[in-house]
Amino acid sequence: MEVNILGTTYEIEKLDEKDSCMFKNNADAYVDYTEKKIFLHKGDVMINVSLRHELVHAFMYEAGIEFGYQFHNEDVVNYIATIFPKLEEAFKTTKCI
């Protein structure tokens, strides 16, 4: 699957087994900004939440907000990824999208 992130195509790849990066970082998903790929572990029971989280990382990166900037950290990314469905619903309800 591919997704457009601010004009850049990212490939989404679901892995049967965790790779070395996942093991190293104790993660079920990550973004490779160099390869423009999002990797997900198929065994992740919250795979859609993980995908949403990694998409937020990719959007921030492509907007010029590289990881390590003050608000491109795991807490902020988790907040945006978690609150997004509620934001989307409010935007649709108010017809501002």
C-alpha atoms as a PDB file:
ATOM      1  CA  MET A   1       0.000   0.000   0.000  1.00  0.00           C
ATOM      2  CA  GLU A   2       1.155   3.544  -0.679  1.00  0.00           C
ATOM      3  CA  VAL A   3       0.108   6.848   0.855  1.00  0.00           C
ATOM      4  CA  ASN A   4       0.745  10.451  -0.139  1.00  0.00           C
ATOM      5  CA  ILE A   5       2.373  12.445   2.665  1.00  0.00           C
ATOM      6  CA  LEU A   6       2.472  16.111   1.642  1.00  0.00           C
ATOM      7  CA  GLY A   7       3.450  15.197  -1.924  1.00  0.00           C
ATOM      8  CA  THR A   8       5.859  12.406  -1.023  1.00  0.00           C
ATOM      9  CA  THR A   9       4.873   8.795  -1.576  1.00  0.00           C
ATOM     10  CA  TYR A  10       5.453   6.475   1.345  1.00  0.00           C
ATOM     11  CA  GLU A  11       5.157   2.718   1.039  1.00  0.00           C
ATOM     12  CA  ILE A  12       3.484   0.869   3.899  1.00  0.00           C
ATOM     13  CA  GLU A  13       4.891  -2.586   4.489  1.00  0.00           C
ATOM     14  CA  LYS A  14       3.461  -5.130   6.919  1.00  0.00           C
ATOM     15  CA  LEU A  15       6.086  -7.552   8.208  1.00  0.00           C
ATOM     16  CA  ASP A  16       5.323 -11.088   9.380  1.00  0.00           C
ATOM     17  CA  GLU A  17       8.180 -10.878  11.890  1.00  0.00           C
ATOM     18  CA  LYS A  18       9.716  -7.921  13.709  1.00  0.00           C
ATOM     19  CA  ASP A  19      12.896  -6.680  12.065  1.00  0.00           C
ATOM     20  CA  SER A  20      16.108  -5.549  13.769  1.00  0.00           C
ATOM     21  CA  CYS A  21      14.950  -1.924  14.060  1.00  0.00           C
ATOM     22  CA  MET A  22      11.766  -2.996  15.846  1.00  0.00           C
ATOM     23  CA  PHE A  23      13.728  -5.184  18.254  1.00  0.00           C
ATOM     24  CA  LYS A  24      16.325  -2.464  18.861  1.00  0.00           C
ATOM     25  CA  ASN A  25      13.649   0.119  19.692  1.00  0.00           C
ATOM     26  CA  ASN A  26      11.145  -2.233  21.337  1.00  0.00           C
ATOM     27  CA  ALA A  27       8.559  -1.156  18.757  1.00  0.00           C
ATOM     28  CA  ASP A  28       5.890  -2.687  16.546  1.00  0.00           C
ATOM     29  CA  ALA A  29       6.206  -0.009  13.849  1.00  0.00           C
ATOM     30  CA  TYR A  30       8.496   2.736  12.585  1.00  0.00           C
ATOM     31  CA  VAL A  31       9.114   5.161   9.733  1.00  0.00           C
ATOM     32  CA  ASP A  32      12.224   4.997   7.580  1.00  0.00           C
ATOM     33  CA  TYR A  33      12.476   8.596   6.354  1.00  0.00           C
ATOM     34  CA  THR A  34      15.348   7.780   3.977  1.00  0.00           C
ATOM     35  CA  GLU A  35      13.512   4.967   2.200  1.00  0.00           C
ATOM     36  CA  LYS A  36      10.105   6.677   2.590  1.00  0.00           C
ATOM     37  CA  LYS A  37       8.592   3.545   4.115  1.00  0.00           C
ATOM     38  CA  ILE A  38       6.425   2.777   7.100  1.00  0.00           C
ATOM     39  CA  PHE A  39       6.987  -0.656   8.574  1.00  0.00           C
ATOM     40  CA  LEU A  40       4.345  -2.403  10.693  1.00  0.00           C
ATOM     41  CA  HIS A  41       4.471  -5.751  12.475  1.00  0.00           C
ATOM     42  CA  LYS A  42       1.436  -7.847  11.483  1.00  0.00           C
ATOM     43  CA  GLY A  43       1.294  -9.291  15.007  1.00  0.00           C
ATOM     44  CA  ASP A  44       0.607  -5.855  16.522  1.00  0.00           C
ATOM     45  CA  VAL A  45      -2.913  -6.069  17.981  1.00  0.00           C
ATOM     46  CA  MET A  46      -3.239  -2.296  17.648  1.00  0.00           C
ATOM     47  CA  ILE A  47      -1.892  -2.103  14.101  1.00  0.00           C
ATOM     48  CA  ASN A  48      -4.287   0.673  13.018  1.00  0.00           C
ATOM     49  CA  VAL A  49      -3.304   2.838  15.988  1.00  0.00           C
ATOM     50  CA  SER A  50       0.353   2.162  15.221  1.00  0.00           C
ATOM     51  CA  LEU A  51      -0.166   3.087  11.574  1.00  0.00           C
ATOM     52  CA  ARG A  52      -1.907   6.338  12.542  1.00  0.00           C
ATOM     53  CA  HIS A  53       1.019   7.094  14.905  1.00  0.00           C
ATOM     54  CA  GLU A  54       3.619   6.487  12.183  1.00  0.00           C
ATOM     55  CA  LEU A  55       1.624   8.569   9.683  1.00  0.00           C
ATOM     56  CA  VAL A  56       1.763  11.500  12.114  1.00  0.00           C
ATOM     57  CA  HIS A  57       5.555  11.082  12.312  1.00  0.00           C
ATOM     58  CA  ALA A  58       5.766  11.068   8.501  1.00  0.00           C
ATOM     59  CA  PHE A  59       3.561  14.164   8.146  1.00  0.00           C
ATOM     60  CA  MET A  60       5.653  16.061  10.688  1.00  0.00           C
ATOM     61  CA  TYR A  61       8.888  15.045   8.976  1.00  0.00           C
ATOM     62  CA  GLU A  62       7.658  15.999   5.509  1.00  0.00           C
ATOM     63  CA  ALA A  63       6.469  19.344   6.907  1.00  0.00           C
ATOM     64  CA  GLY A  64      10.060  20.039   7.964  1.00  0.00           C
ATOM     65  CA  ILE A  65       9.618  19.134  11.616  1.00  0.00           C
ATOM     66  CA  GLU A  66      12.277  16.506  12.086  1.00  0.00           C
ATOM     67  CA  PHE A  67      12.262  14.089  14.996  1.00  0.00           C
ATOM     68  CA  GLY A  68      13.864  15.685  18.025  1.00  0.00           C
ATOM     69  CA  TYR A  69      12.312  19.118  17.508  1.00  0.00           C
ATOM     70  CA  GLN A  70      10.512  20.355  20.594  1.00  0.00           C
ATOM     71  CA  PHE A  71       7.096  19.014  19.610  1.00  0.00           C
ATOM     72  CA  HIS A  72       8.106  16.111  17.367  1.00  0.00           C
ATOM     73  CA  ASN A  73       8.404  13.635  20.184  1.00  0.00           C
ATOM     74  CA  GLU A  74       6.555  10.477  21.168  1.00  0.00           C
ATOM     75  CA  ASP A  75       4.185  12.248  23.583  1.00  0.00           C
ATOM     76  CA  VAL A  76       2.976  14.771  21.023  1.00  0.00           C
ATOM     77  CA  VAL A  77       2.765  12.192  18.230  1.00  0.00           C
ATOM     78  CA  ASN A  78       0.787   9.838  20.493  1.00  0.00           C
ATOM     79  CA  TYR A  79      -1.562  12.683  21.424  1.00  0.00           C
ATOM     80  CA  ILE A  80      -2.224  13.654  17.796  1.00  0.00           C
ATOM     81  CA  ALA A  81      -2.661  10.035  16.699  1.00  0.00           C
ATOM     82  CA  THR A  82      -5.066   9.343  19.564  1.00  0.00           C
ATOM     83  CA  ILE A  83      -7.139  12.510  19.256  1.00  0.00           C
ATOM     84  CA  PHE A  84      -7.318  12.510  15.440  1.00  0.00           C
ATOM     85  CA  PRO A  85     -10.532  10.443  15.087  1.00  0.00           C
ATOM     86  CA  LYS A  86     -12.306  12.879  17.423  1.00  0.00           C
ATOM     87  CA  LEU A  87     -10.907  15.864  15.509  1.00  0.00           C
ATOM     88  CA  GLU A  88     -12.037  14.315  12.229  1.00  0.00           C
ATOM     89  CA  GLU A  89     -15.542  13.776  13.604  1.00  0.00           C
ATOM     90  CA  ALA A  90     -15.738  17.377  14.877  1.00  0.00           C
ATOM     91  CA  PHE A  91     -14.477  18.720  11.523  1.00  0.00           C
ATOM     92  CA  LYS A  92     -17.054  16.687   9.622  1.00  0.00           C
ATOM     93  CA  THR A  93     -19.866  17.671  12.010  1.00  0.00           C
ATOM     94  CA  THR A  94     -19.060  21.351  11.590  1.00  0.00           C
ATOM     95  CA  LYS A  95     -18.408  20.960   7.855  1.00  0.00           C
ATOM     96  CA  CYS A  96     -15.094  22.763   8.088  1.00  0.00           C
ATOM     97  CA  ILE A  97     -13.222  20.227   5.947  1.00  0.00           C
END
